[in-house]
């Protein structure tokens, strides 16, 4: 599997890749450039929207538009005119934090985590945002809240707090949205880098972007075994999502942040959007609402 850089936009901190299976477009973000990207592989057009503050993640919404997790709360964005409407800020009393990665659960509720702007340990939390924008704090004392996804049967939630180098599985109650019985199921070895964004394939295997590892790894959540490793020509790999007509293309975001001038000369593809034909199929992402 040979990934190709398909979009050279030199993203400072590309993140949050998610495939909109109805529109057949890839939504993704550049956190530090404060941009939402919407990429159409069929035409090669990549549309950008200025969010005016750091944007941690994006989830398309049923009926159009999307929810974005900004530095100062959760907002809706109209993709026709780019207008942003703030909805809720679970951490309005913590100005030193910003929102980071997040996804919707199978019932269309948004799960999103926060982190400290100056990397204080255990300063963040994970929240569940219901359809009516009621907020529930679900996990406390996280440092860099990142990858999140659900098992194919919807009974397990997988979650990554990046510095721990672990994937934790929670029992997931679909009706209430409650989680319980956290258990470490994957330990990412030090030489592989730090686990970042995560997605799941149609076999139930977990694909995890590896910051500092220049790769995306595929793990079996039942055994904790590393099954495959896709190497990229960029060291800081941030998120991945299955997309394309048959959900068999893996789109991968990368970052220029954290690299020296010399490293950027060596790894000139850093900040590009990559794609690799995997021969493995993903599953449709869940929309908000």
Protein backbone atom coordinates (compact mmCIF):
# COMPACT_ATOMS: atom_id res chain seq x y z
CA UNK A 1 0.00 0.00 0.00
CA UNK A 2 1.67 3.17 -1.24
CA UNK A 3 0.06 6.41 -0.04
CA UNK A 4 0.16 9.41 -2.36
CA UNK A 5 0.05 13.11 -1.45
CA UNK A 6 -3.07 14.20 -3.36
CA UNK A 7 -3.48 17.73 -2.02
CA UNK A 8 -0.50 19.96 -1.19
CA UNK A 9 -2.02 22.68 0.98
CA UNK A 10 0.79 22.79 3.58
CA UNK A 11 -1.61 22.48 6.50
CA UNK A 12 -0.06 23.59 9.77
CA UNK A 13 -2.05 21.02 11.72
CA UNK A 14 -4.29 18.96 9.44
CA UNK A 15 -6.80 16.89 11.43
CA UNK A 16 -10.34 15.57 11.77
CA UNK A 17 -10.76 13.65 8.49
CA UNK A 18 -14.31 12.36 7.96
CA UNK A 19 -15.95 11.11 4.75
CA UNK A 20 -19.48 12.37 3.99
CA UNK A 21 -20.84 9.29 2.22
CA UNK A 22 -23.96 11.09 0.94
CA UNK A 23 -22.04 14.01 -0.60
CA UNK A 24 -18.99 11.85 -1.48
CA UNK A 25 -16.69 14.51 -0.05
CA UNK A 26 -13.97 14.52 2.59
CA UNK A 27 -14.34 17.02 5.41
CA UNK A 28 -11.16 17.86 7.35
CA UNK A 29 -9.62 20.75 9.27
CA UNK A 30 -6.41 22.71 9.73
CA UNK A 31 -6.49 23.56 13.42
CA UNK A 32 -3.85 26.27 13.57
CA UNK A 33 -4.78 27.89 10.23
CA UNK A 34 -8.41 28.08 11.47
CA UNK A 35 -9.74 26.47 8.31
CA UNK A 36 -12.41 23.91 7.48
CA UNK A 37 -11.65 22.01 4.26
CA UNK A 38 -14.17 20.16 2.08
CA UNK A 39 -12.46 18.08 -0.61
CA UNK A 40 -14.22 16.56 -3.63
CA UNK A 41 -11.97 13.82 -5.07
CA UNK A 42 -14.13 13.56 -8.21
CA UNK A 43 -13.37 17.14 -9.25
CA UNK A 44 -10.18 17.79 -7.26
CA UNK A 45 -11.82 20.89 -5.77
CA UNK A 46 -10.90 21.67 -2.16
CA UNK A 47 -13.17 24.36 -0.66
CA UNK A 48 -12.05 26.21 2.47
CA UNK A 49 -14.01 28.05 5.15
CA UNK A 50 -12.44 30.46 7.66
CA UNK A 51 -13.59 29.63 11.19
CA UNK A 52 -11.74 32.61 12.76
CA UNK A 53 -10.57 30.53 15.72
CA UNK A 54 -8.85 27.18 16.11
CA UNK A 55 -11.01 24.31 14.82
CA UNK A 56 -10.43 20.89 16.37
CA UNK A 57 -12.81 18.73 14.37
CA UNK A 58 -15.84 18.67 12.07
CA UNK A 59 -18.86 16.37 11.76
CA UNK A 60 -21.39 16.71 8.93
CA UNK A 61 -24.98 17.19 10.06
CA UNK A 62 -28.15 15.58 8.78
CA UNK A 63 -29.97 18.02 6.54
CA UNK A 64 -26.80 19.88 5.53
CA UNK A 65 -24.02 21.92 7.02
CA UNK A 66 -21.79 20.67 9.80
CA UNK A 67 -20.91 20.98 13.45
CA UNK A 68 -17.44 22.28 14.23
CA UNK A 69 -15.56 22.12 17.52
CA UNK A 70 -13.86 25.49 17.86
CA UNK A 71 -11.50 26.84 20.47
CA UNK A 72 -14.46 28.43 22.24
CA UNK A 73 -17.20 25.84 21.90
CA UNK A 74 -19.37 23.92 19.48
CA UNK A 75 -20.90 25.75 16.52
CA UNK A 76 -22.87 25.07 13.35
CA UNK A 77 -21.52 26.18 9.98
CA UNK A 78 -23.61 26.77 6.86
CA UNK A 79 -21.52 25.57 3.92
CA UNK A 80 -23.50 27.68 1.45
CA UNK A 81 -22.47 31.03 2.93
CA UNK A 82 -19.88 30.07 5.56
CA UNK A 83 -21.92 31.59 8.40
CA UNK A 84 -21.10 30.22 11.85
CA UNK A 85 -23.62 30.04 14.67
CA UNK A 86 -22.38 29.23 18.17
CA UNK A 87 -24.37 26.54 19.95
CA UNK A 88 -22.76 25.61 23.26
CA UNK A 89 -19.44 26.06 25.07
CA UNK A 90 -18.93 23.39 27.73
CA UNK A 91 -15.67 25.03 28.87
CA UNK A 92 -16.47 28.74 28.81
CA UNK A 93 -14.99 28.91 32.31
CA UNK A 94 -11.65 27.38 31.12
CA UNK A 95 -10.15 29.93 28.69
CA UNK A 96 -6.83 28.08 28.61
CA UNK A 97 -8.37 25.07 26.85
CA UNK A 98 -9.48 24.40 23.28
CA UNK A 99 -11.53 21.64 21.69
CA UNK A 100 -9.78 18.91 19.73
CA UNK A 101 -10.88 15.66 18.09
CA UNK A 102 -14.41 14.26 18.10
CA UNK A 103 -16.96 12.15 16.24
CA UNK A 104 -20.65 11.24 16.38
CA UNK A 105 -21.85 8.00 17.94
CA UNK A 106 -24.25 5.68 16.07
CA UNK A 107 -27.20 7.63 17.50
CA UNK A 108 -25.91 10.92 16.05
CA UNK A 109 -24.70 12.50 19.30
CA UNK A 110 -21.42 14.41 19.16
CA UNK A 111 -18.54 13.30 21.37
CA UNK A 112 -15.71 15.84 21.58
CA UNK A 113 -12.69 16.29 23.79
CA UNK A 114 -10.67 19.24 24.99
CA UNK A 115 -7.03 19.94 25.81
CA UNK A 116 -4.90 22.69 27.32
CA UNK A 117 -3.38 25.21 24.91
CA UNK A 118 -0.12 25.04 26.87
CA UNK A 119 -0.22 21.23 27.16
CA UNK A 120 -1.01 21.02 30.87
CA UNK A 121 -1.50 17.39 31.81
CA UNK A 122 -4.98 16.07 32.64
CA UNK A 123 -6.56 19.48 31.99
CA UNK A 124 -9.09 18.31 29.38
CA UNK A 125 -12.36 16.40 29.33
CA UNK A 126 -14.60 14.53 26.91
CA UNK A 127 -18.18 15.69 26.43
CA UNK A 128 -21.28 14.21 24.84
CA UNK A 129 -23.43 16.77 23.01
CA UNK A 130 -26.99 15.52 22.53
CA UNK A 131 -29.26 16.46 19.62
CA UNK A 132 -30.75 19.29 21.71
CA UNK A 133 -27.22 20.53 22.56
CA UNK A 134 -27.51 19.38 26.15
CA UNK A 135 -23.95 18.76 27.41
CA UNK A 136 -22.73 15.80 29.47
CA UNK A 137 -19.17 15.48 30.78
CA UNK A 138 -18.22 11.84 30.15
CA UNK A 139 -14.46 11.53 30.80
CA UNK A 140 -12.34 13.82 32.99
CA UNK A 141 -8.62 14.49 33.38
CA UNK A 142 -7.43 13.81 29.85
CA UNK A 143 -4.37 15.51 28.35
CA UNK A 144 -4.72 15.43 24.54
CA UNK A 145 -8.16 14.07 23.67
CA UNK A 146 -7.95 12.39 20.28
CA UNK A 147 -9.22 9.35 18.35
CA UNK A 148 -12.72 8.09 19.06
CA UNK A 149 -14.93 5.54 17.29
CA UNK A 150 -17.45 2.77 17.93
CA UNK A 151 -17.42 -0.98 17.33
CA UNK A 152 -19.49 -2.38 14.49
CA UNK A 153 -22.16 -3.68 16.88
CA UNK A 154 -22.31 -0.31 18.67
CA UNK A 155 -21.63 -1.88 22.07
CA UNK A 156 -18.09 -0.55 22.55
CA UNK A 157 -16.54 2.92 22.34
CA UNK A 158 -12.82 3.17 21.61
CA UNK A 159 -10.90 6.23 22.82
CA UNK A 160 -7.37 7.67 22.75
CA UNK A 161 -5.73 10.15 25.12
CA UNK A 162 -2.57 10.60 23.04
CA UNK A 163 0.23 10.83 25.68
CA UNK A 164 -0.90 7.56 27.29
CA UNK A 165 -0.08 5.68 24.05
CA UNK A 166 -3.17 3.56 24.75
CA UNK A 167 -6.54 2.75 23.25
CA UNK A 168 -9.21 2.33 25.92
CA UNK A 169 -12.46 0.42 25.30
CA UNK A 170 -15.64 1.40 27.15
CA UNK A 171 -18.91 -0.49 27.32
CA UNK A 172 -21.38 1.74 25.46
CA UNK A 173 -25.10 1.99 26.21
CA UNK A 174 -26.67 3.18 22.96
CA UNK A 175 -29.99 4.23 24.53
CA UNK A 176 -28.58 6.42 27.30
CA UNK A 177 -25.22 7.29 25.75
CA UNK A 178 -23.49 6.24 28.96
CA UNK A 179 -20.09 4.53 29.09
CA UNK A 180 -18.61 2.18 31.70
CA UNK A 181 -15.90 -0.40 32.44
CA UNK A 182 -12.86 1.23 30.79
CA UNK A 183 -10.23 -1.29 29.71
CA UNK A 184 -6.88 -0.74 27.97
CA UNK A 185 -6.94 -2.91 24.82
CA UNK A 186 -4.01 -1.54 22.78
CA UNK A 187 -0.60 -0.27 23.86
CA UNK A 188 1.22 1.62 21.10
CA UNK A 189 4.93 0.93 21.35
CA UNK A 190 7.21 3.95 21.77
CA UNK A 191 9.05 3.53 18.46
CA UNK A 192 5.74 3.82 16.56
CA UNK A 193 5.04 7.36 17.78
CA UNK A 194 1.94 8.68 19.52
CA UNK A 195 -1.60 7.53 18.63
CA UNK A 196 -3.72 10.35 17.23
CA UNK A 197 -6.90 10.13 15.11
CA UNK A 198 -8.64 6.77 14.64
CA UNK A 199 -11.20 5.06 12.42
CA UNK A 200 -12.64 1.55 12.04
CA UNK A 201 -12.98 -0.74 9.02
CA UNK A 202 -15.72 -3.18 8.00
CA UNK A 203 -13.86 -6.03 9.76
CA UNK A 204 -13.84 -4.15 13.05
CA UNK A 205 -10.10 -3.38 12.93
CA UNK A 206 -8.83 0.00 14.18
CA UNK A 207 -6.71 2.30 12.00
CA UNK A 208 -4.71 4.84 13.99
CA UNK A 209 -2.67 7.84 12.81
CA UNK A 210 0.78 7.93 14.43
CA UNK A 211 2.16 11.36 15.33
CA UNK A 212 5.94 11.27 15.11
CA UNK A 213 5.77 7.80 13.62
CA UNK A 214 5.15 8.80 10.01
CA UNK A 215 2.54 6.10 9.58
CA UNK A 216 -0.97 4.77 10.04
CA UNK A 217 -1.21 1.49 11.93
CA UNK A 218 -3.96 -1.12 11.86
CA UNK A 219 -4.68 -2.94 15.12
CA UNK A 220 -6.96 -5.78 16.14
CA UNK A 221 -8.95 -4.49 19.16
CA UNK A 222 -9.64 -8.04 20.36
CA UNK A 223 -5.99 -9.10 20.60
CA UNK A 224 -4.16 -5.77 20.71
CA UNK A 225 -1.94 -6.95 17.85
CA UNK A 226 -0.52 -4.61 15.19
CA UNK A 227 -1.62 -6.04 11.82
CA UNK A 228 -0.32 -3.53 9.31
CA UNK A 229 1.68 -0.31 9.05
CA UNK A 230 1.37 2.20 6.20
CA UNK A 231 4.40 4.51 6.04
CA UNK A 232 4.08 8.11 4.80
CA UNK A 233 6.55 10.73 3.61
CA UNK A 234 5.53 12.97 6.53
CA UNK A 235 6.41 12.25 10.18
CA UNK A 236 3.46 13.89 11.93
CA UNK A 237 0.39 11.92 10.88
CA UNK A 238 -2.81 13.10 12.53
CA UNK A 239 -6.03 11.43 11.33
CA UNK A 240 -7.47 8.97 8.83
CA UNK A 241 -10.85 8.15 7.32
CA UNK A 242 -12.10 5.61 4.81
CA UNK A 243 -13.78 7.21 1.80
CA UNK A 244 -14.20 7.06 -1.93
CA UNK A 245 -16.98 5.49 -3.96
CA UNK A 246 -16.56 2.09 -2.27
CA UNK A 247 -15.13 3.28 1.07
CA UNK A 248 -11.87 1.51 0.22
CA UNK A 249 -9.61 4.57 0.03
CA UNK A 250 -7.95 5.73 3.22
CA UNK A 251 -7.57 9.53 3.41
CA UNK A 252 -4.85 10.70 5.80
CA UNK A 253 -4.10 14.16 7.20
CA UNK A 254 -0.64 15.36 8.25
CA UNK A 255 0.95 18.39 9.91
CA UNK A 256 3.89 20.74 9.46
CA UNK A 257 3.69 21.77 13.11
CA UNK A 258 6.47 20.46 15.31
CA UNK A 259 9.03 20.18 12.48
CA UNK A 260 12.19 22.26 12.08
CA UNK A 261 12.99 24.14 8.87
CA UNK A 262 15.46 21.40 7.92
CA UNK A 263 12.92 18.65 8.61
CA UNK A 264 10.37 20.47 6.43
CA UNK A 265 12.91 20.47 3.59
CA UNK A 266 13.39 16.72 3.99
CA UNK A 267 9.70 15.94 4.53
CA UNK A 268 8.26 18.40 2.04
CA UNK A 269 4.95 16.50 1.84
CA UNK A 270 4.21 17.40 5.46
CA UNK A 271 0.86 19.18 5.71
CA UNK A 272 -0.48 17.41 2.62
CA UNK A 273 -3.61 15.30 2.40
CA UNK A 274 -2.71 11.72 1.47
CA UNK A 275 -4.73 8.86 0.02
CA UNK A 276 -3.98 5.16 -0.20
CA UNK A 277 -5.92 2.36 -1.92
CA UNK A 278 -6.24 -0.19 0.87
CA UNK A 279 -8.25 -3.06 -0.62
CA UNK A 280 -10.13 -2.93 2.69
CA UNK A 281 -13.50 -1.24 3.17
CA UNK A 282 -14.50 1.24 5.83
CA UNK A 283 -17.97 1.92 7.21
CA UNK A 284 -20.08 5.07 6.74
CA UNK A 285 -19.45 7.79 9.31
CA UNK A 286 -22.27 8.87 11.61
CA UNK A 287 -23.82 12.28 11.02
CA UNK A 288 -24.99 14.65 13.76
CA UNK A 289 -28.71 14.68 14.51
